[in-house]
Amino acid sequence: MNQERPWLQSYPAGVPAEIDVNEFRSVAAVFDTSVAKFRDRPAYSNFGKTLTYGETDALVSQFAAICWASCSSRKVIASR
């Protein structure tokens, strides 16, 4: 076990210990890529409810639309 990074032992096979931080330009880009690759797969599971990446994407879009519609100065909200 790695004493400095003990969590690595919990990683499933094939999950790298290091990532390329320049691969994506933003967290939104990571999310969009994940949705494209894993749309029908589980993204989150909590309290007996599971959301797929596709369902999460739809909820994110709905929330963004609500924020956009209720924002008095739309200049502060940047689009993905």
Protein backbone atom coordinates (compact mmCIF):
# COMPACT_ATOMS: atom_id res chain seq x y z
CA MET A 1 0.00 0.00 0.00
CA ASN A 2 1.18 3.49 -0.82
CA GLN A 3 1.51 5.33 2.51
CA GLU A 4 1.21 8.75 0.88
CA ARG A 5 -1.88 7.89 -1.22
CA PRO A 6 -3.69 4.96 0.44
CA TRP A 7 -6.86 5.57 -1.62
CA LEU A 8 -5.14 4.17 -4.71
CA GLN A 9 -5.71 0.64 -3.44
CA SER A 10 -9.45 1.24 -3.82
CA TYR A 11 -9.23 2.17 -7.51
CA PRO A 12 -10.74 -0.44 -9.86
CA ALA A 13 -8.48 -2.05 -12.43
CA GLY A 14 -7.80 0.28 -15.34
CA VAL A 15 -8.27 3.53 -13.37
CA PRO A 16 -5.05 5.53 -13.60
CA ALA A 17 -3.39 6.95 -10.50
CA GLU A 18 -2.44 10.09 -12.44
CA ILE A 19 -4.47 12.18 -14.90
CA ASP A 20 -3.60 14.61 -17.64
CA VAL A 21 -4.79 17.92 -16.21
CA ASN A 22 -4.62 19.51 -19.66
CA GLU A 23 -6.96 16.99 -21.30
CA PHE A 24 -10.06 19.10 -20.62
CA ARG A 25 -10.48 22.87 -20.59
CA SER A 26 -13.06 22.87 -17.78
CA VAL A 27 -15.14 20.75 -15.43
CA ALA A 28 -18.05 21.27 -17.84
CA ALA A 29 -15.95 19.69 -20.60
CA VAL A 30 -15.28 16.66 -18.39
CA PHE A 31 -19.01 16.35 -17.72
CA ASP A 32 -19.99 16.74 -21.38
CA THR A 33 -17.48 14.09 -22.44
CA SER A 34 -18.72 11.74 -19.72
CA VAL A 35 -22.33 12.22 -20.80
CA ALA A 36 -21.40 11.47 -24.41
CA LYS A 37 -19.55 8.29 -23.44
CA PHE A 38 -21.78 6.99 -20.63
CA ARG A 39 -25.26 8.47 -21.24
CA ASP A 40 -27.17 5.35 -20.10
CA ARG A 41 -24.84 4.38 -17.26
CA PRO A 42 -25.29 5.30 -13.60
CA ALA A 43 -23.65 8.59 -12.64
CA TYR A 44 -24.92 9.02 -9.07
CA SER A 45 -26.65 6.80 -6.57
CA ASN A 46 -27.96 8.02 -3.22
CA PHE A 47 -30.84 7.13 -0.90
CA GLY A 48 -31.97 4.37 -3.24
CA LYS A 49 -32.22 6.62 -6.30
CA THR A 50 -29.84 6.30 -9.23
CA LEU A 51 -29.40 8.91 -11.96
CA THR A 52 -27.77 8.13 -15.27
CA TYR A 53 -25.40 10.55 -16.95
CA GLY A 54 -28.19 11.38 -19.40
CA GLU A 55 -30.69 12.11 -16.64
CA THR A 56 -28.11 14.23 -14.85
CA ASP A 57 -27.41 16.14 -18.07
CA ALA A 58 -31.12 16.90 -18.47
CA LEU A 59 -31.38 18.11 -14.86
CA VAL A 60 -28.28 20.29 -15.26
CA SER A 61 -29.78 21.84 -18.41
CA GLN A 62 -33.09 22.50 -16.63
CA PHE A 63 -31.31 24.11 -13.68
CA ALA A 64 -29.20 26.27 -15.99
CA ALA A 65 -32.33 27.41 -17.83
CA ILE A 66 -33.99 28.36 -14.53
CA CYS A 67 -30.88 30.27 -13.45
CA TRP A 68 -30.70 32.02 -16.82
CA ALA A 69 -34.36 32.97 -16.78
CA SER A 70 -34.22 34.33 -13.25
CA CYS A 71 -30.94 36.21 -13.61
CA SER A 72 -31.39 39.94 -13.87
CA SER A 73 -27.97 40.43 -15.43
CA ARG A 74 -27.37 37.57 -17.83
CA LYS A 75 -23.80 38.71 -18.40
CA VAL A 76 -22.66 36.99 -15.20
CA ILE A 77 -23.62 33.49 -16.38
CA ALA A 78 -21.18 32.00 -18.87
CA SER A 79 -22.33 29.31 -21.25
CA ARG A 80 -20.57 25.97 -21.55
